[in-house]
Amino acid sequence: MADEKRPSIPVKVPNATTVKAMKELEAGKGKSFADVDELFEDIGALRADPEPGN
C-alpha cells in the first residue's frame, strides 16, 4: 500500500440494493434471529442434520 498509495486489494462500492438494505438495518428495520435454525425456518430452508440419526 505504501509503495503504490492504494490498497493491495480492490475496494468495491456497494450496489443500490445493498445500500438500501444497509439503510433499512441502520433505521432499525429488518429481522433478527436468535440462531441459524430460526433464520432457516423463517426463509423456509431445510438444514442438513449435522449428526445423522438425530
PDB file of N, CA and C in Angstrom:
ATOM      1  N   MET A   1       0.827  -1.185   0.000  1.00  0.00           N
ATOM      2  CA  MET A   1       0.000   0.000   0.000  1.00  0.00           C
ATOM      3  C   MET A   1       0.873   1.252   0.000  1.00  0.00           C
ATOM      4  N   ALA A   2       1.914   1.247   0.775  1.00  0.00           N
ATOM      5  CA  ALA A   2       2.746   2.441   0.876  1.00  0.00           C
ATOM      6  C   ALA A   2       3.454   2.755  -0.434  1.00  0.00           C
ATOM      7  N   ASP A   3       3.898   1.723  -1.143  1.00  0.00           N
ATOM      8  CA  ASP A   3       4.616   1.953  -2.393  1.00  0.00           C
ATOM      9  C   ASP A   3       3.720   2.518  -3.487  1.00  0.00           C
ATOM     10  N   GLU A   4       2.505   1.999  -3.585  1.00  0.00           N
ATOM     11  CA  GLU A   4       1.608   2.405  -4.671  1.00  0.00           C
ATOM     12  C   GLU A   4       0.540   3.404  -4.242  1.00  0.00           C
ATOM     13  N   LYS A   5       0.471   3.713  -2.973  1.00  0.00           N
ATOM     14  CA  LYS A   5      -0.513   4.660  -2.428  1.00  0.00           C
ATOM     15  C   LYS A   5      -1.960   4.199  -2.650  1.00  0.00           C
ATOM     16  N   ARG A   6      -2.157   2.888  -2.690  1.00  0.00           N
ATOM     17  CA  ARG A   6      -3.507   2.347  -2.826  1.00  0.00           C
ATOM     18  C   ARG A   6      -3.570   0.995  -2.129  1.00  0.00           C
ATOM     19  N   PRO A   7      -4.767   0.558  -1.765  1.00  0.00           N
ATOM     20  CA  PRO A   7      -4.895  -0.751  -1.109  1.00  0.00           C
ATOM     21  C   PRO A   7      -4.430  -1.875  -2.032  1.00  0.00           C
ATOM     22  N   SER A   8      -3.929  -2.945  -1.460  1.00  0.00           N
ATOM     23  CA  SER A   8      -3.456  -4.078  -2.250  1.00  0.00           C
ATOM     24  C   SER A   8      -4.595  -4.948  -2.765  1.00  0.00           C
ATOM     25  N   ILE A   9      -5.799  -4.729  -2.254  1.00  0.00           N
ATOM     26  CA  ILE A   9      -6.973  -5.458  -2.737  1.00  0.00           C
ATOM     27  C   ILE A   9      -7.952  -4.458  -3.324  1.00  0.00           C
ATOM     28  N   PRO A  10      -8.773  -4.893  -4.285  1.00  0.00           N
ATOM     29  CA  PRO A  10      -9.737  -3.955  -4.867  1.00  0.00           C
ATOM     30  C   PRO A  10     -10.806  -3.546  -3.854  1.00  0.00           C
ATOM     31  N   VAL A  11     -11.169  -2.292  -3.862  1.00  0.00           N
ATOM     32  CA  VAL A  11     -12.217  -1.775  -2.989  1.00  0.00           C
ATOM     33  C   VAL A  11     -13.486  -1.695  -3.822  1.00  0.00           C
ATOM     34  N   LYS A  12     -14.520  -2.356  -3.350  1.00  0.00           N
ATOM     35  CA  LYS A  12     -15.776  -2.389  -4.099  1.00  0.00           C
ATOM     36  C   LYS A  12     -16.811  -1.480  -3.451  1.00  0.00           C
ATOM     37  N   VAL A  13     -17.546  -0.775  -4.271  1.00  0.00           N
ATOM     38  CA  VAL A  13     -18.627   0.093  -3.809  1.00  0.00           C
ATOM     39  C   VAL A  13     -19.913  -0.724  -3.844  1.00  0.00           C
ATOM     40  N   PRO A  14     -20.709  -0.709  -2.766  1.00  0.00           N
ATOM     41  CA  PRO A  14     -21.948  -1.486  -2.765  1.00  0.00           C
ATOM     42  C   PRO A  14     -22.931  -0.977  -3.816  1.00  0.00           C
ATOM     43  N   ASN A  15     -23.695  -1.914  -4.395  1.00  0.00           N
ATOM     44  CA  ASN A  15     -24.701  -1.516  -5.386  1.00  0.00           C
ATOM     45  C   ASN A  15     -25.934  -0.950  -4.675  1.00  0.00           C
ATOM     46  N   ALA A  16     -26.880  -0.462  -5.460  1.00  0.00           N
ATOM     47  CA  ALA A  16     -28.063   0.214  -4.911  1.00  0.00           C
ATOM     48  C   ALA A  16     -28.868  -0.694  -3.978  1.00  0.00           C
ATOM     49  N   THR A  17     -29.000  -1.963  -4.320  1.00  0.00           N
ATOM     50  CA  THR A  17     -29.763  -2.895  -3.488  1.00  0.00           C
ATOM     51  C   THR A  17     -29.098  -3.068  -2.122  1.00  0.00           C
ATOM     52  N   THR A  18     -27.786  -3.178  -2.128  1.00  0.00           N
ATOM     53  CA  THR A  18     -27.051  -3.336  -0.876  1.00  0.00           C
ATOM     54  C   THR A  18     -27.136  -2.074  -0.032  1.00  0.00           C
ATOM     55  N   VAL A  19     -27.002  -0.926  -0.649  1.00  0.00           N
ATOM     56  CA  VAL A  19     -27.100   0.345   0.074  1.00  0.00           C
ATOM     57  C   VAL A  19     -28.479   0.476   0.711  1.00  0.00           C
ATOM     58  N   LYS A  20     -29.518   0.124  -0.020  1.00  0.00           N
ATOM     59  CA  LYS A  20     -30.884   0.196   0.511  1.00  0.00           C
ATOM     60  C   LYS A  20     -31.030  -0.719   1.732  1.00  0.00           C
ATOM     61  N   ALA A  21     -30.514  -1.935   1.629  1.00  0.00           N
ATOM     62  CA  ALA A  21     -30.598  -2.880   2.747  1.00  0.00           C
ATOM     63  C   ALA A  21     -29.829  -2.370   3.958  1.00  0.00           C
ATOM     64  N   MET A  22     -28.661  -1.782   3.728  1.00  0.00           N
ATOM     65  CA  MET A  22     -27.874  -1.239   4.830  1.00  0.00           C
ATOM     66  C   MET A  22     -28.610  -0.099   5.521  1.00  0.00           C
ATOM     67  N   LYS A  23     -29.259   0.763   4.749  1.00  0.00           N
ATOM     68  CA  LYS A  23     -30.008   1.878   5.332  1.00  0.00           C
ATOM     69  C   LYS A  23     -31.204   1.381   6.143  1.00  0.00           C
ATOM     70  N   GLU A  24     -31.879   0.344   5.638  1.00  0.00           N
ATOM     71  CA  GLU A  24     -33.007  -0.231   6.372  1.00  0.00           C
ATOM     72  C   GLU A  24     -32.539  -0.760   7.728  1.00  0.00           C
ATOM     73  N   LEU A  25     -31.412  -1.463   7.742  1.00  0.00           N
ATOM     74  CA  LEU A  25     -30.902  -2.005   9.001  1.00  0.00           C
ATOM     75  C   LEU A  25     -30.482  -0.900   9.958  1.00  0.00           C
ATOM     76  N   GLU A  26     -29.855   0.144   9.437  1.00  0.00           N
ATOM     77  CA  GLU A  26     -29.455   1.272  10.275  1.00  0.00           C
ATOM     78  C   GLU A  26     -30.665   1.982  10.872  1.00  0.00           C
ATOM     79  N   ALA A  27     -31.811   1.928  10.181  1.00  0.00           N
ATOM     80  CA  ALA A  27     -33.034   2.560  10.658  1.00  0.00           C
ATOM     81  C   ALA A  27     -33.801   1.657  11.629  1.00  0.00           C
ATOM     82  N   GLY A  28     -33.235   0.490  11.935  1.00  0.00           N
ATOM     83  CA  GLY A  28     -33.880  -0.419  12.879  1.00  0.00           C
ATOM     84  C   GLY A  28     -34.887  -1.348  12.246  1.00  0.00           C
ATOM     85  N   LYS A  29     -34.925  -1.381  10.938  1.00  0.00           N
ATOM     86  CA  LYS A  29     -35.838  -2.290  10.242  1.00  0.00           C
ATOM     87  C   LYS A  29     -35.106  -3.594   9.979  1.00  0.00           C
ATOM     88  N   GLY A  30     -35.826  -4.549   9.472  1.00  0.00           N
ATOM     89  CA  GLY A  30     -35.221  -5.843   9.182  1.00  0.00           C
ATOM     90  C   GLY A  30     -35.508  -6.825  10.294  1.00  0.00           C
ATOM     91  N   LYS A  31     -35.093  -8.040  10.068  1.00  0.00           N
ATOM     92  CA  LYS A  31     -35.340  -9.109  11.033  1.00  0.00           C
ATOM     93  C   LYS A  31     -34.041  -9.505  11.708  1.00  0.00           C
ATOM     94  N   SER A  32     -34.177 -10.029  12.900  1.00  0.00           N
ATOM     95  CA  SER A  32     -33.035 -10.632  13.575  1.00  0.00           C
ATOM     96  C   SER A  32     -33.489 -11.979  14.118  1.00  0.00           C
ATOM     97  N   PHE A  33     -32.538 -12.849  14.305  1.00  0.00           N
ATOM     98  CA  PHE A  33     -32.854 -14.210  14.703  1.00  0.00           C
ATOM     99  C   PHE A  33     -31.952 -14.634  15.844  1.00  0.00           C
ATOM    100  N   ALA A  34     -32.485 -15.473  16.705  1.00  0.00           N
ATOM    101  CA  ALA A  34     -31.734 -15.959  17.860  1.00  0.00           C
ATOM    102  C   ALA A  34     -30.626 -16.917  17.436  1.00  0.00           C
ATOM    103  N   ASP A  35     -30.883 -17.669  16.366  1.00  0.00           N
ATOM    104  CA  ASP A  35     -29.885 -18.624  15.895  1.00  0.00           C
ATOM    105  C   ASP A  35     -30.150 -18.964  14.435  1.00  0.00           C
ATOM    106  N   VAL A  36     -29.269 -19.724  13.847  1.00  0.00           N
ATOM    107  CA  VAL A  36     -29.377 -20.048  12.423  1.00  0.00           C
ATOM    108  C   VAL A  36     -30.608 -20.911  12.141  1.00  0.00           C
ATOM    109  N   ASP A  37     -30.994 -21.757  13.084  1.00  0.00           N
ATOM    110  CA  ASP A  37     -32.188 -22.578  12.879  1.00  0.00           C
ATOM    111  C   ASP A  37     -33.433 -21.703  12.726  1.00  0.00           C
ATOM    112  N   GLU A  38     -33.521 -20.658  13.529  1.00  0.00           N
ATOM    113  CA  GLU A  38     -34.646 -19.727  13.438  1.00  0.00           C
ATOM    114  C   GLU A  38     -34.646 -19.005  12.086  1.00  0.00           C
ATOM    115  N   LEU A  39     -33.483 -18.616  11.625  1.00  0.00           N
ATOM    116  CA  LEU A  39     -33.354 -17.987  10.311  1.00  0.00           C
ATOM    117  C   LEU A  39     -33.809 -18.939   9.214  1.00  0.00           C
ATOM    118  N   PHE A  40     -33.306 -20.161   9.230  1.00  0.00           N
ATOM    119  CA  PHE A  40     -33.670 -21.128   8.194  1.00  0.00           C
ATOM    120  C   PHE A  40     -35.168 -21.397   8.203  1.00  0.00           C
ATOM    121  N   GLU A  41     -35.767 -21.466   9.388  1.00  0.00           N
ATOM    122  CA  GLU A  41     -37.213 -21.678   9.487  1.00  0.00           C
ATOM    123  C   GLU A  41     -37.958 -20.514   8.837  1.00  0.00           C
ATOM    124  N   ASP A  42     -37.507 -19.298   9.071  1.00  0.00           N
ATOM    125  CA  ASP A  42     -38.150 -18.111   8.515  1.00  0.00           C
ATOM    126  C   ASP A  42     -38.109 -18.093   6.992  1.00  0.00           C
ATOM    127  N   ILE A  43     -36.990 -18.520   6.421  1.00  0.00           N
ATOM    128  CA  ILE A  43     -36.878 -18.482   4.956  1.00  0.00           C
ATOM    129  C   ILE A  43     -37.355 -19.772   4.299  1.00  0.00           C
ATOM    130  N   GLY A  44     -37.800 -20.724   5.109  1.00  0.00           N
ATOM    131  CA  GLY A  44     -38.336 -21.965   4.567  1.00  0.00           C
ATOM    132  C   GLY A  44     -37.267 -22.901   4.031  1.00  0.00           C
ATOM    133  N   ALA A  45     -36.069 -22.807   4.581  1.00  0.00           N
ATOM    134  CA  ALA A  45     -34.975 -23.668   4.128  1.00  0.00           C
ATOM    135  C   ALA A  45     -34.834 -24.858   5.059  1.00  0.00           C
ATOM    136  N   LEU A  46     -34.442 -25.954   4.489  1.00  0.00           N
ATOM    137  CA  LEU A  46     -34.158 -27.138   5.288  1.00  0.00           C
ATOM    138  C   LEU A  46     -32.685 -27.137   5.618  1.00  0.00           C
ATOM    139  N   ARG A  47     -32.373 -27.477   6.836  1.00  0.00           N
ATOM    140  CA  ARG A  47     -30.980 -27.526   7.262  1.00  0.00           C
ATOM    141  C   ARG A  47     -30.557 -28.974   7.379  1.00  0.00           C
ATOM    142  N   ALA A  48     -29.418 -29.285   6.832  1.00  0.00           N
ATOM    143  CA  ALA A  48     -28.906 -30.645   6.919  1.00  0.00           C
ATOM    144  C   ALA A  48     -28.606 -30.974   8.378  1.00  0.00           C
ATOM    145  N   ASP A  49     -28.977 -32.165   8.778  1.00  0.00           N
ATOM    146  CA  ASP A  49     -28.700 -32.605  10.141  1.00  0.00           C
ATOM    147  C   ASP A  49     -27.213 -32.884  10.270  1.00  0.00           C
ATOM    148  N   PRO A  50     -26.514 -32.154  11.168  1.00  0.00           N
ATOM    149  CA  PRO A  50     -25.066 -32.344  11.289  1.00  0.00           C
ATOM    150  C   PRO A  50     -24.662 -33.724  11.811  1.00  0.00           C
ATOM    151  N   GLU A  51     -25.583 -34.406  12.484  1.00  0.00           N
ATOM    152  CA  GLU A  51     -25.298 -35.724  13.018  1.00  0.00           C
ATOM    153  C   GLU A  51     -26.386 -36.688  12.564  1.00  0.00           C
ATOM    154  N   PRO A  52     -26.105 -37.499  11.558  1.00  0.00           N
ATOM    155  CA  PRO A  52     -27.106 -38.461  11.074  1.00  0.00           C
ATOM    156  C   PRO A  52     -27.655 -39.313  12.214  1.00  0.00           C
ATOM    157  N   GLY A  53     -28.952 -39.550  12.174  1.00  0.00           N
ATOM    158  CA  GLY A  53     -29.596 -40.344  13.199  1.00  0.00           C
ATOM    159  C   GLY A  53     -30.245 -39.527  14.279  1.00  0.00           C
ATOM    160  N   ASN A  54     -30.099 -38.208  14.241  1.00  0.00           N
ATOM    161  CA  ASN A  54     -30.728 -37.345  15.252  1.00  0.00           C
ATOM    162  C   ASN A  54     -31.973 -36.717  14.704  1.00  0.00           C
TER     163      ASN A  54
END
